[in-house]
């Protein structure tokens, strides 16, 4: 599998990267909390 999550993030705009990170973190927290 050649997909590199961090490499993809590097190509995103910093703001987009922050939103993506926040969304994924919130998703993980929701999965743990519920």
Protein backbone atom coordinates (compact mmCIF):
# COMPACT_ATOMS: atom_id res chain seq x y z
CA UNK A 1 0.00 0.00 0.00
CA UNK A 2 1.71 3.15 -1.23
CA UNK A 3 -0.72 5.59 0.34
CA UNK A 4 1.17 7.96 2.65
CA UNK A 5 -1.24 9.87 4.87
CA UNK A 6 1.36 12.39 6.04
CA UNK A 7 2.65 12.96 2.53
CA UNK A 8 -0.89 13.79 1.42
CA UNK A 9 -1.25 16.20 4.33
CA UNK A 10 1.94 17.96 3.29
CA UNK A 11 0.34 18.80 -0.06
CA UNK A 12 -2.72 20.35 1.54
CA UNK A 13 -2.92 23.97 2.56
CA UNK A 14 -2.03 24.47 6.26
CA UNK A 15 -5.60 25.50 7.08
CA UNK A 16 -7.01 22.50 5.24
CA UNK A 17 -4.54 20.27 7.08
CA UNK A 18 -5.64 21.67 10.43
CA UNK A 19 -9.31 21.11 9.59
CA UNK A 20 -8.61 17.57 8.43
CA UNK A 21 -6.64 16.81 11.58
CA UNK A 22 -9.35 18.30 13.81
CA UNK A 23 -12.08 16.36 12.02
CA UNK A 24 -10.20 13.06 12.25
CA UNK A 25 -9.38 13.67 15.92
CA UNK A 26 -13.01 14.49 16.70
CA UNK A 27 -14.06 11.33 14.89
CA UNK A 28 -11.69 9.25 17.00
CA UNK A 29 -12.87 10.87 20.22
CA UNK A 30 -16.51 10.29 19.27
CA UNK A 31 -15.77 6.64 18.55
CA UNK A 32 -14.10 6.27 21.96
CA UNK A 33 -16.70 8.28 23.89
CA UNK A 34 -19.67 6.51 22.31
